[in-house]
């Protein structure tokens, strides 16, 4: 039952993100969440981001400022043991400064506590594809 609930929470997060409902996205996070962007990602300079406000400013605001559009495609959510959820997906985006678009394969590993709040996030992504789009 816990795995199903965790899947619903992460599904709700992706649905809220897709509609720009940031209060819902941030509200699903524990106040002390630790967020890690993939190594070599330009956004990894703040790792670990601690707390929803840090993530909003250090990750989400920068994504919005640096991209003409940034969307998530083909999101598939997989329940795991130990209150973890794995999501596989693609980033569909276009960088403002270069005009380059990219479709990058990604995976997100989420950890939740027993109260259903997200406590840890780890991103895995094709960082070369992201870096090439920024040049």
Protein backbone atom coordinates (compact mmCIF):
# COMPACT_ATOMS: atom_id res chain seq x y z
CA UNK A 1 0.00 0.00 0.00
CA UNK A 2 2.83 2.43 0.82
CA UNK A 3 4.40 1.96 -2.64
CA UNK A 4 1.10 2.80 -4.34
CA UNK A 5 0.74 5.95 -2.25
CA UNK A 6 4.31 7.01 -3.06
CA UNK A 7 3.61 6.53 -6.77
CA UNK A 8 0.47 8.71 -6.48
CA UNK A 9 2.47 11.45 -4.72
CA UNK A 10 5.16 11.52 -7.40
CA UNK A 11 2.52 11.38 -10.16
CA UNK A 12 0.84 14.38 -8.51
CA UNK A 13 4.17 16.21 -8.51
CA UNK A 14 4.73 15.65 -12.24
CA UNK A 15 1.13 16.63 -13.04
CA UNK A 16 1.50 19.84 -11.02
CA UNK A 17 4.86 20.63 -12.67
CA UNK A 18 3.36 20.15 -16.13
CA UNK A 19 0.69 22.78 -15.42
CA UNK A 20 3.05 25.21 -13.66
CA UNK A 21 1.45 24.63 -10.26
CA UNK A 22 4.60 25.31 -8.24
CA UNK A 23 2.83 25.66 -4.86
CA UNK A 24 1.67 22.03 -5.18
CA UNK A 25 5.12 20.85 -6.35
CA UNK A 26 6.86 22.57 -3.44
CA UNK A 27 4.15 21.52 -0.98
CA UNK A 28 4.92 17.84 -1.62
CA UNK A 29 8.48 18.36 -0.39
CA UNK A 30 9.75 18.00 3.15
CA UNK A 31 11.04 21.33 4.54
CA UNK A 32 14.57 19.85 4.66
CA UNK A 33 14.50 18.03 1.31
CA UNK A 34 17.94 17.43 -0.24
CA UNK A 35 17.89 17.94 -4.01
CA UNK A 36 20.80 16.91 -6.22
CA UNK A 37 21.17 17.73 -9.89
CA UNK A 38 23.25 15.30 -11.98
CA UNK A 39 27.00 15.82 -11.81
CA UNK A 40 28.24 17.97 -14.73
CA UNK A 41 24.81 19.57 -15.10
CA UNK A 42 25.20 23.37 -14.98
CA UNK A 43 22.56 23.44 -12.24
CA UNK A 44 24.65 21.13 -10.04
CA UNK A 45 26.61 24.14 -8.79
CA UNK A 46 24.23 24.38 -5.83
CA UNK A 47 24.20 20.68 -4.84
CA UNK A 48 22.72 19.78 -2.55
CA UNK A 49 19.87 22.25 -2.61
CA UNK A 50 18.23 22.06 0.82
CA UNK A 51 14.60 23.04 1.23
CA UNK A 52 11.86 23.95 -1.27
CA UNK A 53 12.83 27.64 -1.48
CA UNK A 54 16.40 26.73 -2.41
CA UNK A 55 15.10 24.41 -5.15
CA UNK A 56 12.66 27.03 -6.43
CA UNK A 57 15.38 29.67 -6.73
CA UNK A 58 18.36 27.50 -7.66
CA UNK A 59 16.70 25.08 -10.06
CA UNK A 60 13.18 25.94 -11.21
CA UNK A 61 13.65 29.71 -11.60
CA UNK A 62 16.89 29.16 -13.52
CA UNK A 63 15.23 26.60 -15.80
CA UNK A 64 12.50 29.10 -16.58
CA UNK A 65 14.91 31.99 -17.11
CA UNK A 66 17.26 30.00 -19.36
CA UNK A 67 14.72 28.19 -21.55
CA UNK A 68 12.11 29.25 -24.08
CA UNK A 69 10.30 26.10 -22.99
CA UNK A 70 11.10 23.19 -20.71
CA UNK A 71 8.78 20.20 -20.56
CA UNK A 72 8.76 16.63 -19.37
CA UNK A 73 7.77 13.89 -21.82
CA UNK A 74 7.06 10.16 -21.54
CA UNK A 75 7.12 10.16 -17.74
CA UNK A 76 6.88 6.65 -16.31
CA UNK A 77 6.81 6.20 -12.54
CA UNK A 78 8.04 2.98 -10.93
CA UNK A 79 7.52 2.04 -7.28
CA UNK A 80 10.50 0.67 -5.38
CA UNK A 81 11.27 -0.61 -1.91
CA UNK A 82 12.27 1.60 1.04
CA UNK A 83 9.90 4.47 0.16
CA UNK A 84 11.68 5.19 -3.10
CA UNK A 85 10.22 5.92 -6.53
CA UNK A 86 12.06 5.92 -9.85
CA UNK A 87 10.81 8.01 -12.76
CA UNK A 88 12.09 7.66 -16.30
CA UNK A 89 11.40 10.51 -18.70
CA UNK A 90 12.72 12.91 -21.34
CA UNK A 91 13.35 16.63 -21.12
CA UNK A 92 11.99 18.53 -24.12
CA UNK A 93 13.47 22.02 -24.05
CA UNK A 94 14.93 24.97 -25.93
CA UNK A 95 17.74 27.16 -24.58
CA UNK A 96 17.09 30.90 -25.00
CA UNK A 97 20.71 32.01 -25.36
CA UNK A 98 21.60 29.58 -28.16
CA UNK A 99 18.23 28.77 -29.72
CA UNK A 100 19.14 25.08 -29.51
CA UNK A 101 16.51 22.48 -28.66
CA UNK A 102 17.16 19.18 -26.96
CA UNK A 103 15.40 15.97 -26.03
CA UNK A 104 17.40 14.40 -23.23
CA UNK A 105 16.87 11.06 -21.54
CA UNK A 106 16.59 11.40 -17.74
CA UNK A 107 15.80 9.45 -14.59
CA UNK A 108 14.75 10.81 -11.22
CA UNK A 109 15.16 8.88 -7.98
CA UNK A 110 12.81 10.10 -5.24
CA UNK A 111 12.81 9.17 -1.53
CA UNK A 112 9.81 9.83 0.67
CA UNK A 113 9.29 9.64 4.42
CA UNK A 114 6.47 7.73 6.13
CA UNK A 115 4.32 10.89 6.09
CA UNK A 116 4.49 11.01 2.29
CA UNK A 117 6.80 14.02 2.01
CA UNK A 118 9.68 13.95 -0.48
CA UNK A 119 12.99 13.97 1.41
CA UNK A 120 15.60 13.31 -1.29
CA UNK A 121 15.83 13.82 -5.07
CA UNK A 122 18.63 12.63 -7.34
CA UNK A 123 18.67 13.47 -11.04
CA UNK A 124 20.39 11.36 -13.71
CA UNK A 125 20.50 12.89 -17.21
CA UNK A 126 22.49 13.02 -20.42
CA UNK A 127 24.56 16.01 -19.26
CA UNK A 128 26.52 16.16 -22.53
CA UNK A 129 23.30 16.81 -24.43
CA UNK A 130 22.41 19.58 -21.98
CA UNK A 131 25.89 21.11 -22.16
CA UNK A 132 25.94 21.00 -25.97
CA UNK A 133 22.64 22.91 -26.09
CA UNK A 134 24.18 25.69 -23.98
CA UNK A 135 27.11 26.29 -26.41
